[in-house]
Protein backbone atom coordinates (compact mmCIF):
# COMPACT_ATOMS: atom_id res chain seq x y z
CA UNK A 1 -0.08 -0.77 0.15
CA UNK A 2 3.28 1.92 0.19
CA UNK A 3 3.89 2.45 -3.77
CA UNK A 4 1.79 5.54 -3.72
CA UNK A 5 3.11 7.54 -1.42
CA UNK A 6 7.43 5.63 -3.04
CA UNK A 7 5.57 6.71 -6.52
CA UNK A 8 5.52 10.55 -5.61
CA UNK A 9 9.42 10.71 -3.95
CA UNK A 10 10.73 9.52 -6.75
CA UNK A 11 8.78 11.84 -9.00
CA UNK A 12 9.45 14.68 -6.83
CA UNK A 13 13.37 13.61 -6.57
CA UNK A 14 13.58 13.43 -10.67
CA UNK A 15 11.69 17.01 -11.01
CA UNK A 16 14.65 18.51 -8.32
CA UNK A 17 17.11 16.87 -10.98
CA UNK A 18 15.78 18.08 -13.70
CA UNK A 19 15.51 21.52 -12.29
CA UNK A 20 19.10 21.70 -10.81
CA UNK A 21 19.73 21.00 -14.51
CA UNK A 22 18.58 23.58 -15.45
CA UNK A 23 20.34 25.59 -13.47
CA UNK A 24 22.73 24.60 -14.59
CA UNK A 25 22.54 25.09 -18.48
CA UNK A 26 21.41 28.64 -17.22
CA UNK A 27 24.40 29.92 -15.22
CA UNK A 28 26.67 28.12 -18.41
CA UNK A 29 27.07 31.45 -20.41
CA UNK A 30 29.13 29.87 -23.03
CA UNK A 31 26.63 27.02 -23.67
CA UNK A 32 24.22 29.88 -23.66
CA UNK A 33 26.29 32.06 -25.91
CA UNK A 34 26.72 28.60 -28.22
CA UNK A 35 22.97 28.17 -28.32
CA UNK A 36 22.78 31.65 -29.72
CA UNK A 37 24.89 31.38 -32.64
CA UNK A 38 23.65 27.69 -32.81
CA UNK A 39 20.37 28.99 -34.03
CA UNK A 40 21.50 32.80 -35.28
CA UNK A 41 23.98 30.51 -38.17
CA UNK A 42 20.96 28.18 -38.81
CA UNK A 43 18.73 31.15 -39.26
CA UNK A 44 20.81 33.15 -41.27
CA UNK A 45 21.45 29.59 -43.89
CA UNK A 46 17.44 29.86 -43.95
CA UNK A 47 17.72 32.87 -45.42
CA UNK A 48 19.72 32.08 -47.59
CA UNK A 49 18.13 29.28 -48.70
CA UNK A 50 19.78 26.42 -47.03
CA UNK A 51 18.13 23.36 -45.36
CA UNK A 52 18.14 22.48 -42.00
CA UNK A 53 19.54 18.36 -41.20
CA UNK A 54 18.67 17.00 -37.70
CA UNK A 55 20.34 13.25 -37.07
CA UNK A 56 19.88 10.85 -33.65
CA UNK A 57 19.44 7.80 -32.65
CA UNK A 58 16.69 5.97 -31.06
CA UNK A 59 15.11 8.67 -28.42
CA UNK A 60 17.14 11.67 -30.61
CA UNK A 61 15.88 10.00 -33.42
CA UNK A 62 12.09 11.23 -31.98
CA UNK A 63 14.03 14.83 -30.82
CA UNK A 64 15.07 15.02 -34.82
CA UNK A 65 11.65 14.81 -36.38
CA UNK A 66 9.74 16.55 -33.47
CA UNK A 67 12.43 19.71 -33.98
CA UNK A 68 11.41 19.45 -37.49
CA UNK A 69 8.19 19.63 -37.74
CA UNK A 70 8.20 22.65 -35.43
CA UNK A 71 10.12 24.74 -38.26
CA UNK A 72 8.02 23.15 -41.06
CA UNK A 73 4.28 23.14 -39.61
CA UNK A 74 4.15 27.01 -37.49
CA UNK A 75 6.05 26.67 -33.84
CA UNK A 76 4.21 30.25 -32.34
CA UNK A 77 3.69 31.79 -35.15
CA UNK A 78 0.71 30.43 -37.59
CA UNK A 79 0.87 33.04 -39.80
CA UNK A 80 4.32 32.11 -40.68
CA UNK A 81 6.06 30.41 -44.39
CA UNK A 82 6.96 26.79 -43.59
CA UNK A 83 10.48 26.71 -42.83
CA UNK A 84 13.25 23.80 -44.50
CA UNK A 85 13.85 20.98 -42.62
CA UNK A 86 14.82 17.36 -43.17
CA UNK A 87 14.84 14.59 -39.70
CA UNK A 88 17.79 12.00 -41.63
CA UNK A 89 16.48 8.05 -41.02
CA UNK A 90 13.45 8.69 -41.67
CA UNK A 91 13.24 7.47 -45.40
CA UNK A 92 13.18 3.72 -43.86
CA UNK A 93 13.36 2.40 -47.72
CA UNK A 94 16.84 4.61 -48.33
CA UNK A 95 17.64 3.68 -44.33
CA UNK A 96 17.27 -0.07 -44.09
CA UNK A 97 18.41 0.09 -47.93
CA UNK A 98 21.97 1.51 -46.54
CA UNK A 99 21.92 -0.03 -43.06
CA UNK A 100 21.47 -3.47 -45.49
CA UNK A 101 23.74 -3.04 -48.15
CA UNK A 102 26.35 -0.31 -46.65
CA UNK A 103 26.64 -0.11 -42.59
CA UNK A 104 23.93 1.13 -40.31
CA UNK A 105 26.83 3.48 -39.48
CA UNK A 106 26.53 4.83 -43.21
CA UNK A 107 22.39 5.51 -43.01
CA UNK A 108 22.46 9.52 -41.92
CA UNK A 109 26.26 10.28 -44.38
CA UNK A 110 24.59 8.71 -47.27
CA UNK A 111 21.22 10.37 -46.91
CA UNK A 112 23.32 13.95 -46.77
CA UNK A 113 25.66 12.72 -50.18
CA UNK A 114 22.21 13.23 -51.50
CA UNK A 115 21.02 15.60 -50.64
CA UNK A 116 22.99 18.28 -49.05
CA UNK A 117 24.08 21.28 -51.04
CA UNK A 118 27.06 24.03 -49.41
CA UNK A 119 25.32 26.20 -47.07
CA UNK A 120 23.52 24.55 -45.53
CA UNK A 121 23.40 22.97 -41.61
CA UNK A 122 23.48 19.80 -39.15
CA UNK A 123 22.55 19.25 -36.04
CA UNK A 124 23.14 16.56 -34.67
CA UNK A 125 22.24 14.53 -31.59
CA UNK A 126 23.99 12.27 -29.34
CA UNK A 127 23.64 12.26 -25.20
CA UNK A 128 26.70 9.81 -25.64
CA UNK A 129 28.62 11.78 -28.17
CA UNK A 130 29.84 8.22 -29.36
CA UNK A 131 27.00 7.47 -32.46
CA UNK A 132 29.30 6.02 -35.27
CA UNK A 133 25.61 6.85 -37.32
CA UNK A 134 26.50 10.32 -36.28
CA UNK A 135 30.18 10.88 -36.19
CA UNK A 136 29.42 9.97 -40.33
CA UNK A 137 26.90 12.05 -40.52
CA UNK A 138 29.38 15.41 -39.52
CA UNK A 139 32.49 14.47 -41.85
CA UNK A 140 29.82 14.45 -44.52
CA UNK A 141 28.73 17.82 -43.48
CA UNK A 142 32.11 19.29 -43.11
CA UNK A 143 33.38 17.50 -46.34
CA UNK A 144 29.64 19.32 -47.55
CA UNK A 145 30.75 22.72 -46.04
CA UNK A 146 27.25 22.53 -43.69
CA UNK A 147 27.72 24.34 -40.58
CA UNK A 148 27.74 21.56 -38.29
CA UNK A 149 26.22 22.10 -34.69
CA UNK A 150 26.79 18.87 -31.90
CA UNK A 151 24.50 18.58 -29.33
CA UNK A 152 25.20 15.82 -26.86
CA UNK A 153 26.00 15.54 -23.28
CA UNK A 154 28.17 16.22 -20.58
CA UNK A 155 30.34 13.07 -21.98
CA UNK A 156 30.11 13.57 -25.54
CA UNK A 157 33.77 14.97 -26.58
CA UNK A 158 34.78 12.48 -29.31
CA UNK A 159 32.78 14.30 -32.14
CA UNK A 160 33.63 17.47 -30.90
CA UNK A 161 36.61 18.35 -33.43
CA UNK A 162 33.83 17.49 -36.28
CA UNK A 163 31.38 20.29 -35.11
CA UNK A 164 31.89 24.18 -35.26
CA UNK A 165 29.10 24.46 -32.61
CA UNK A 166 29.06 21.92 -30.34
CA UNK A 167 25.87 21.52 -26.81
CA UNK A 168 27.04 19.63 -24.48
CA UNK A 169 24.63 19.45 -21.78
CA UNK A 170 26.25 18.80 -18.62
CA UNK A 171 24.34 15.64 -17.34
CA UNK A 172 25.17 11.85 -17.74
CA UNK A 173 21.93 10.84 -17.18
CA UNK A 174 20.39 10.16 -20.73
CA UNK A 175 16.84 11.37 -19.35
CA UNK A 176 17.92 14.52 -17.96
CA UNK A 177 20.27 14.76 -21.37
CA UNK A 178 18.00 14.46 -23.53
CA UNK A 179 14.65 16.79 -21.35
CA UNK A 180 17.43 19.87 -21.50
CA UNK A 181 18.45 18.99 -25.33
CA UNK A 182 14.49 19.94 -26.22
CA UNK A 183 14.01 22.48 -24.08
CA UNK A 184 17.10 24.29 -26.11
CA UNK A 185 16.10 22.76 -29.51
CA UNK A 186 12.73 24.33 -28.78
CA UNK A 187 14.35 27.53 -27.99
CA UNK A 188 15.99 27.16 -31.61
CA UNK A 189 13.94 26.61 -33.32
CA UNK A 190 11.82 29.57 -32.09
CA UNK A 191 14.52 31.87 -32.28
CA UNK A 192 14.92 30.38 -36.36
CA UNK A 193 11.23 31.07 -36.55
CA UNK A 194 11.52 34.88 -35.43
CA UNK A 195 14.69 35.08 -37.86
CA UNK A 196 14.72 33.20 -40.81
CA UNK A 197 10.97 33.62 -41.33
CA UNK A 198 10.47 37.29 -40.45
CA UNK A 199 9.97 39.37 -44.42
CA UNK A 200 13.13 40.61 -45.78
CA UNK A 201 13.93 44.57 -44.99
CA UNK A 202 15.29 47.31 -47.73
CA UNK A 203 14.25 49.57 -49.65
CA UNK A 204 10.62 49.16 -50.60
């Protein structure tokens, strides 16, 4: 009969953990500045006709589709134009063909080789920072002239040299990292929406 009390305690502890991590993020001036930089560079690329690609595995794959959906559909402004964003890996025929005929490590990279152009942007999500397919995607993005944003956790240092902007959440717990990734992703979408969807300024 004491299970509800135990579950209530667990919920309280998880909320406390989440709140503490958000405070650490809020106090991390470098992380906040890099997040703003990622938003500005993504918006600039989209304004110039570029496309945003997003990739990740597992929960991060879900966040990739979530964020691409926020930009294609309205996030906050229902009056603005749809913004070009593609979550890699969700063409099941292409993804399974690449995984079967080549390797799972190539599922994102090969799609980028087919679709990406210089001036595009990649948001690469990896809570561990050790995902081989994310690493290969970052390599192809570099070769193709994309702006590369790695969104990772405290241990995601193995991929740092492959990205121009690294948003590393100061945690080693996957669920907490993913929660902050979604919050940062929502900020990125809001900022990109506000900048990239605005009508051009200048003489009429």
